[in-house]
């Protein structure tokens, strides 16, 4: 099962003995896999409304702004 470590060792500068290299190689491999765990990149349903609200003068509460923003957005799409 250590074929990958053996191949990597053969390609290395062999500055350490194989047993030490294999231990380090396996540790580095585990760390690399852990680092690649899934990251949540989902976008909230109302992200556009939230961004628009943050850029607004906030003269109304978010719930009212969102209702108006969605209505205006639908009207703009229909008008096209």
Protein backbone atom coordinates (compact mmCIF):
# COMPACT_ATOMS: atom_id res chain seq x y z
CA UNK A 1 0.00 0.00 0.00
CA UNK A 2 3.00 2.30 0.21
CA UNK A 3 3.72 2.34 -3.52
CA UNK A 4 3.03 6.08 -3.75
CA UNK A 5 5.52 6.76 -0.95
CA UNK A 6 8.11 4.53 -2.65
CA UNK A 7 7.68 6.32 -5.97
CA UNK A 8 7.91 9.71 -4.30
CA UNK A 9 11.03 8.62 -2.43
CA UNK A 10 12.67 7.43 -5.63
CA UNK A 11 11.95 10.82 -7.22
CA UNK A 12 13.25 12.72 -4.17
CA UNK A 13 16.77 13.85 -3.38
CA UNK A 14 16.95 11.02 -0.80
CA UNK A 15 18.15 13.44 1.88
CA UNK A 16 16.57 11.20 4.54
CA UNK A 17 16.17 7.47 4.94
CA UNK A 18 13.06 5.83 3.46
CA UNK A 19 11.34 5.16 6.81
CA UNK A 20 11.55 8.84 7.81
CA UNK A 21 10.52 9.94 4.31
CA UNK A 22 7.51 7.62 4.35
CA UNK A 23 6.33 8.94 7.73
CA UNK A 24 6.64 12.54 6.53
CA UNK A 25 5.07 11.73 3.15
CA UNK A 26 2.04 10.09 4.76
CA UNK A 27 1.61 12.98 7.19
CA UNK A 28 1.84 15.52 4.37
CA UNK A 29 -0.64 13.48 2.30
CA UNK A 30 -3.18 13.36 5.13
CA UNK A 31 -2.80 17.12 5.68
CA UNK A 32 -3.36 17.75 1.97
CA UNK A 33 -6.57 15.70 1.95
CA UNK A 34 -7.88 17.44 5.07
CA UNK A 35 -7.13 20.84 3.52
CA UNK A 36 -9.28 19.94 0.51
CA UNK A 37 -12.44 19.23 2.49
CA UNK A 38 -15.55 20.73 0.90
CA UNK A 39 -16.16 24.42 1.42
CA UNK A 40 -19.71 25.74 1.47
CA UNK A 41 -20.05 28.09 -1.49
CA UNK A 42 -23.82 28.26 -1.48
CA UNK A 43 -25.47 31.61 -2.13
CA UNK A 44 -28.48 32.59 -0.01
CA UNK A 45 -31.75 32.86 -1.92
CA UNK A 46 -32.07 36.56 -1.17
CA UNK A 47 -28.41 37.50 -1.68
CA UNK A 48 -29.22 40.07 -4.38
CA UNK A 49 -31.72 41.82 -2.14
CA UNK A 50 -29.26 41.79 0.78
CA UNK A 51 -26.50 43.31 -1.37
CA UNK A 52 -28.85 45.97 -2.70
CA UNK A 53 -30.03 46.77 0.83
CA UNK A 54 -26.44 47.13 2.07
CA UNK A 55 -25.77 49.57 -0.78
CA UNK A 56 -28.96 51.54 -0.11
CA UNK A 57 -29.55 54.44 2.27
CA UNK A 58 -31.40 51.99 4.58
CA UNK A 59 -34.34 54.38 4.84
CA UNK A 60 -36.66 51.39 5.41
CA UNK A 61 -36.30 48.12 7.26
CA UNK A 62 -34.88 45.12 5.37
CA UNK A 63 -38.16 43.19 5.17
CA UNK A 64 -39.93 46.13 3.48
CA UNK A 65 -36.92 46.78 1.25
CA UNK A 66 -36.80 43.13 0.18
CA UNK A 67 -40.50 43.11 -0.75
CA UNK A 68 -40.09 46.30 -2.81
CA UNK A 69 -36.82 45.08 -4.38
CA UNK A 70 -38.36 41.78 -5.47
CA UNK A 71 -41.40 43.56 -6.89
CA UNK A 72 -39.25 46.04 -8.79
CA UNK A 73 -37.05 43.19 -10.08
CA UNK A 74 -40.05 41.20 -11.35
CA UNK A 75 -41.46 44.32 -13.00
CA UNK A 76 -38.10 44.99 -14.71
CA UNK A 77 -37.95 41.44 -16.07
CA UNK A 78 -41.55 41.60 -17.33
CA UNK A 79 -40.86 44.95 -19.01
CA UNK A 80 -38.07 43.38 -21.08
